[in-house]
Protein backbone atom coordinates (compact mmCIF):
# COMPACT_ATOMS: atom_id res chain seq x y z
CA MET A 1 -80.59 -98.23 -66.43
CA ASP A 2 -82.97 -98.31 -63.27
CA LYS A 3 -86.14 -97.94 -65.14
CA ASN A 4 -85.40 -101.10 -67.35
CA LEU A 5 -84.32 -103.18 -64.31
CA SER A 6 -87.78 -102.05 -62.72
CA THR A 7 -89.64 -103.05 -65.62
CA TYR A 8 -87.78 -106.49 -66.04
CA SER A 9 -88.61 -107.05 -62.47
CA SER A 10 -92.36 -106.78 -62.63
CA LYS A 11 -94.38 -109.90 -62.15
CA LYS A 12 -96.43 -108.87 -65.38
CA VAL A 13 -92.98 -108.85 -67.30
CA VAL A 14 -91.89 -111.98 -65.75
CA SER A 15 -95.03 -113.67 -66.66
CA TYR A 16 -94.79 -112.48 -70.34
CA TYR A 17 -91.36 -114.20 -70.76
CA GLU A 18 -92.67 -117.25 -69.02
CA GLU A 19 -94.76 -117.67 -72.30
CA TYR A 20 -91.65 -117.98 -74.36
CA ASN A 21 -90.67 -121.47 -75.00
CA ASN A 22 -89.10 -121.37 -78.45
CA LEU A 23 -85.83 -120.50 -79.98
CA GLN A 24 -85.59 -117.69 -82.67
CA LYS A 25 -84.62 -118.54 -86.32
CA PRO A 26 -81.00 -117.15 -85.87
CA GLU A 27 -80.52 -119.04 -82.46
CA LYS A 28 -81.39 -122.36 -84.14
CA LYS A 29 -79.02 -121.37 -86.76
CA ILE A 30 -76.23 -120.61 -84.28
CA LEU A 31 -76.97 -123.67 -82.13
CA SER A 32 -76.62 -125.75 -85.58
CA VAL A 33 -73.30 -123.91 -86.07
CA LEU A 34 -71.80 -124.71 -82.87
CA SER A 35 -73.53 -128.22 -82.27
CA SER A 36 -70.48 -130.22 -82.82
CA ARG A 37 -68.70 -128.36 -80.07
CA LEU A 38 -71.46 -127.89 -77.54
CA GLU A 39 -70.99 -131.12 -75.53
CA ASN A 40 -67.43 -130.04 -74.55
CA MET A 41 -68.29 -126.31 -73.85
CA GLU A 42 -68.97 -124.17 -70.50
CA MET A 43 -71.59 -121.79 -71.38
CA LEU A 44 -72.53 -118.74 -69.71
CA ASP A 45 -76.07 -117.62 -70.64
CA ILE A 46 -76.62 -113.88 -69.90
CA GLY A 47 -80.21 -112.35 -69.53
CA ILE A 48 -81.94 -115.60 -69.34
CA GLY A 49 -85.24 -113.95 -68.46
CA ALA A 50 -87.62 -116.97 -67.47
CA GLY A 51 -85.40 -119.57 -68.99
CA ARG A 52 -86.46 -119.67 -72.54
CA THR A 53 -82.96 -120.50 -73.86
CA THR A 54 -81.93 -122.53 -70.86
CA ALA A 55 -84.47 -125.40 -71.96
CA PHE A 56 -82.54 -125.80 -75.37
CA PHE A 57 -78.74 -124.96 -74.58
CA CYS A 58 -78.53 -126.53 -71.05
CA PRO A 59 -79.06 -130.11 -72.05
CA LEU A 60 -76.25 -129.90 -74.70
CA VAL A 61 -73.35 -128.09 -72.98
CA LYS A 62 -70.56 -129.62 -70.48
CA ARG A 63 -71.61 -127.03 -67.95
CA TYR A 64 -74.50 -124.49 -67.98
CA THR A 65 -74.57 -121.03 -65.99
CA GLY A 66 -77.64 -118.72 -66.49
CA ILE A 67 -77.76 -115.14 -65.03
CA ASP A 68 -80.05 -112.22 -65.06
CA TYR A 69 -80.10 -108.86 -63.27
CA ALA A 70 -83.71 -109.21 -62.16
CA GLN A 71 -84.02 -111.55 -59.22
CA GLU A 72 -87.49 -112.11 -59.99
CA MET A 73 -86.24 -113.69 -63.37
CA VAL A 74 -83.64 -115.94 -61.66
CA ASP A 75 -86.26 -117.08 -59.39
CA SER A 76 -88.38 -118.11 -62.15
CA CYS A 77 -85.79 -120.06 -63.58
CA VAL A 78 -84.65 -121.94 -60.41
CA LYS A 79 -88.42 -123.15 -59.84
CA ARG A 80 -88.78 -123.96 -63.58
CA PHE A 81 -85.58 -126.36 -63.92
CA LYS A 82 -85.27 -127.65 -60.52
CA GLY A 83 -83.82 -131.02 -60.62
CA GLN A 84 -83.56 -130.89 -64.54
CA PHE A 85 -80.66 -131.17 -67.06
CA ASN A 86 -77.25 -131.30 -65.89
CA ASP A 87 -77.49 -129.14 -62.81
CA PRO A 88 -77.59 -125.65 -64.12
CA VAL A 89 -76.57 -122.68 -62.25
CA PHE A 90 -78.70 -119.67 -61.80
CA LEU A 91 -77.52 -116.48 -60.18
CA CYS A 92 -78.58 -112.78 -59.96
CA GLU A 93 -75.60 -111.18 -61.73
CA ASP A 94 -75.01 -107.93 -63.74
CA ALA A 95 -73.49 -108.24 -67.19
CA ARG A 96 -71.58 -105.06 -66.71
CA THR A 97 -69.23 -106.47 -64.03
CA LEU A 98 -69.80 -110.30 -64.17
CA SER A 99 -67.97 -110.01 -60.87
CA ALA A 100 -68.94 -113.81 -59.92
CA PHE A 101 -66.57 -115.20 -62.67
CA LYS A 102 -62.84 -115.78 -62.95
CA ASP A 103 -61.01 -114.82 -66.16
CA GLU A 104 -61.47 -117.36 -68.99
CA SER A 105 -64.02 -119.54 -67.35
CA PHE A 106 -66.52 -120.07 -70.33
CA ASP A 107 -66.42 -121.48 -74.16
CA PHE A 108 -69.44 -119.67 -75.36
CA VAL A 109 -71.55 -116.70 -74.01
CA LEU A 110 -74.92 -116.07 -75.30
CA PHE A 111 -76.79 -112.53 -74.46
CA SER A 112 -80.05 -113.07 -76.42
CA PHE A 113 -83.34 -111.01 -76.93
CA ASN A 114 -81.48 -107.61 -77.02
CA GLY A 115 -80.45 -107.51 -73.41
CA ILE A 116 -77.36 -105.77 -74.44
CA ASP A 117 -79.53 -102.84 -75.50
CA TYR A 118 -80.78 -101.77 -72.00
CA VAL A 119 -77.74 -100.21 -70.77
CA SER A 120 -76.09 -96.92 -71.51
CA PRO A 121 -73.52 -96.92 -74.25
CA GLU A 122 -70.52 -96.72 -71.99
CA GLU A 123 -71.89 -99.62 -69.93
CA ARG A 124 -72.47 -101.49 -73.36
CA MET A 125 -68.80 -101.11 -74.04
CA GLU A 126 -68.05 -102.51 -70.68
CA ILE A 127 -70.26 -105.48 -71.05
CA LEU A 128 -68.26 -106.41 -74.16
CA LYS A 129 -65.07 -105.75 -72.22
CA GLN A 130 -66.37 -108.34 -69.25
CA VAL A 131 -67.65 -111.02 -71.77
CA LYS A 132 -64.06 -111.11 -73.65
CA ARG A 133 -62.53 -111.46 -70.22
CA VAL A 134 -64.66 -114.48 -69.18
CA LEU A 135 -64.15 -115.99 -72.28
CA ARG A 136 -61.31 -118.43 -73.26
CA LYS A 137 -59.31 -117.69 -76.30
CA GLY A 138 -61.24 -118.85 -79.45
CA GLY A 139 -64.49 -118.78 -77.23
CA PHE A 140 -67.58 -117.58 -78.89
CA PHE A 141 -69.69 -114.79 -78.17
CA SER A 142 -73.38 -114.26 -79.48
CA PHE A 143 -75.94 -111.57 -78.98
CA SER A 144 -78.88 -109.85 -80.67
CA THR A 145 -79.21 -106.35 -81.00
CA HIS A 146 -81.79 -103.63 -82.48
CA ASN A 147 -81.04 -102.46 -86.00
CA ILE A 148 -81.02 -98.51 -86.53
CA SER A 149 -81.74 -99.23 -90.37
CA SER A 150 -85.08 -100.45 -89.41
CA LEU A 151 -86.20 -97.17 -88.07
CA SER A 152 -85.75 -95.37 -91.45
CA ASP A 153 -89.19 -96.41 -92.60
CA MET A 154 -91.31 -96.70 -89.39
CA PRO A 155 -94.95 -97.51 -91.12
CA PHE A 156 -97.86 -95.81 -89.85
CA PHE A 157 -99.90 -98.65 -91.06
CA GLU A 158 -99.29 -102.27 -91.22
CA PHE A 159 -101.93 -104.52 -92.66
CA ARG A 160 -103.84 -106.63 -90.32
CA LEU A 161 -107.27 -108.51 -90.51
CA ASN A 162 -107.97 -107.34 -87.18
CA ILE A 163 -109.09 -103.85 -87.64
CA PRO A 164 -108.99 -102.62 -83.94
CA ALA A 165 -105.57 -103.96 -83.64
CA ALA A 166 -104.68 -102.05 -86.94
CA ILE A 167 -106.05 -98.92 -85.39
CA LYS A 168 -104.39 -99.18 -82.39
CA ARG A 169 -101.01 -99.97 -83.96
CA ILE A 170 -101.60 -96.50 -86.02
CA PHE A 171 -101.77 -94.54 -82.57
CA GLU A 172 -98.84 -96.45 -81.25
CA VAL A 173 -96.49 -95.70 -83.97
CA ARG A 174 -97.63 -92.01 -83.76
CA LYS A 175 -97.08 -92.09 -80.19
CA ILE A 176 -93.60 -93.52 -80.54
CA LYS A 177 -92.75 -90.80 -83.25
CA ALA A 178 -93.97 -88.14 -80.94
CA ILE A 179 -92.02 -88.92 -77.89
CA ASN A 180 -88.80 -89.71 -79.80
CA LYS A 181 -88.86 -86.99 -82.17
CA GLU A 182 -85.42 -85.76 -81.89
CA GLN A 183 -83.71 -89.19 -81.72
CA LEU A 184 -85.44 -90.39 -84.73
CA ALA A 185 -84.43 -87.34 -86.59
CA LYS A 186 -80.84 -88.64 -86.12
CA VAL A 187 -81.44 -91.89 -87.90
CA PRO A 188 -80.07 -91.26 -91.50
CA THR A 189 -76.58 -90.15 -89.81
CA ALA A 190 -76.44 -91.62 -86.40
CA ASP A 191 -74.16 -94.93 -85.21
CA TYR A 192 -76.80 -95.45 -82.60
CA ILE A 193 -79.80 -93.76 -81.04
CA ILE A 194 -81.68 -94.69 -77.81
CA ILE A 195 -85.33 -94.36 -77.83
CA ASN A 196 -88.62 -95.60 -76.12
CA ASP A 197 -89.91 -97.84 -78.59
CA GLY A 198 -93.19 -98.76 -76.83
CA ALA A 199 -91.92 -102.13 -75.67
CA HIS A 200 -93.76 -103.26 -72.39
CA ASN A 201 -96.12 -100.42 -72.09
CA TYR A 202 -93.39 -97.90 -72.86
CA GLY A 203 -91.23 -99.07 -69.73
CA LEU A 204 -87.91 -99.47 -71.49
CA ASN A 205 -85.27 -97.31 -73.18
CA THR A 206 -83.83 -99.26 -76.14
CA TYR A 207 -80.45 -98.90 -78.00
CA TYR A 208 -80.66 -99.20 -81.76
CA VAL A 209 -77.35 -99.41 -83.42
CA ARG A 210 -76.03 -99.39 -87.34
CA THR A 211 -74.39 -102.74 -88.20
CA GLU A 212 -71.23 -101.18 -89.42
CA PHE A 213 -70.74 -99.46 -85.83
CA GLN A 214 -71.47 -102.59 -84.14
CA LEU A 215 -68.81 -104.42 -86.04
CA LYS A 216 -66.35 -101.62 -84.97
CA GLN A 217 -67.35 -101.89 -81.50
CA LEU A 218 -66.82 -105.57 -81.21
CA ALA A 219 -63.37 -105.36 -83.19
CA GLN A 220 -62.34 -102.52 -80.53
CA ALA A 221 -63.56 -104.97 -77.74
CA GLY A 222 -61.11 -107.77 -79.16
CA PHE A 223 -63.56 -109.92 -80.97
CA SER A 224 -63.13 -111.23 -84.55
CA SER A 225 -64.56 -113.49 -87.22
CA THR A 226 -67.95 -112.10 -86.79
CA ARG A 227 -70.88 -113.43 -88.51
CA ILE A 228 -74.36 -111.81 -88.92
CA PHE A 229 -77.76 -113.44 -89.05
CA THR A 230 -81.38 -112.07 -89.79
CA VAL A 231 -84.04 -112.27 -87.04
CA SER A 232 -86.72 -112.78 -89.61
CA SER A 233 -85.30 -115.99 -91.47
CA GLY A 234 -81.84 -116.92 -89.45
CA GLU A 235 -79.94 -116.59 -92.66
CA GLU A 236 -76.51 -115.37 -92.63
CA ILE A 237 -75.76 -112.01 -94.25
CA THR A 238 -72.25 -112.07 -96.01
CA ASP A 239 -72.48 -109.02 -98.19
CA ASN A 240 -74.11 -105.69 -98.71
CA LEU A 241 -74.74 -105.09 -95.05
CA SER A 242 -76.45 -101.98 -95.47
CA VAL A 243 -78.73 -103.25 -98.10
CA ASN A 244 -79.71 -106.59 -96.55
CA THR A 245 -80.26 -105.56 -93.07
CA GLU A 246 -82.53 -102.45 -93.49
CA LYS A 247 -85.61 -104.20 -93.01
CA GLU A 248 -84.40 -106.33 -89.93
CA LYS A 249 -85.55 -104.80 -86.66
CA TRP A 250 -83.03 -107.25 -84.95
CA LEU A 251 -79.67 -108.70 -85.81
CA TYR A 252 -77.65 -111.63 -84.38
CA TYR A 253 -74.06 -111.53 -84.00
CA LEU A 254 -71.86 -114.57 -83.51
CA CYS A 255 -68.01 -113.64 -82.96
CA GLU A 256 -64.95 -115.09 -81.43
CA LYS A 257 -62.42 -114.11 -78.91
CA ALA A 258 -59.22 -113.07 -80.90
């Protein structure tokens, strides 16, 4: 989406992502799951932003390639990691085509920070198709995505010691509910919706998906053995998906190319 690319290309947003230097809990868990294999893996890191995940995965893998569709993000990574690690490659490349890469070029593909949520539904399926294409058989794909179930009870108030911040949040939620009224009404039954959830000063349109539908998409795209991890704790969810995921705004998926 052009609106989303424009947002991610802005200096303010690039600077925002340059401040992120840690892995999230589910990313740490996934790194642990794959730890014994990483040294033999050729990795593609999609949507690298300012290199948050690069710093952790690049030193551990056989070969690291990081891409982003915002040239400004790529430039930030080149500047930050020049001369470091094992000669990482950074490219301005679109996840919807992955045109720079041949079939079966990678053992592990990561698309973190919900990057897959900022394209159209049709383009989302094309990304899954392209990831499968560039993965070797038995290769791993991990990504995070927004969880539609978390929208079922969007609170008007969140307890905060900072009273001005709490008041600001009340008005933010009211605005989000107002501008997304029609879409939010579909939450109880829809497989997915696309809303403006206020991120980056209301500069993004974000895809929220139901867990069961995401699993169906992955199966249709040719992925199997899918595991799901919570963003809050990094714990793996193995049963009662609808119950155990309803409070999680994001979920991480780890699957294999069938």
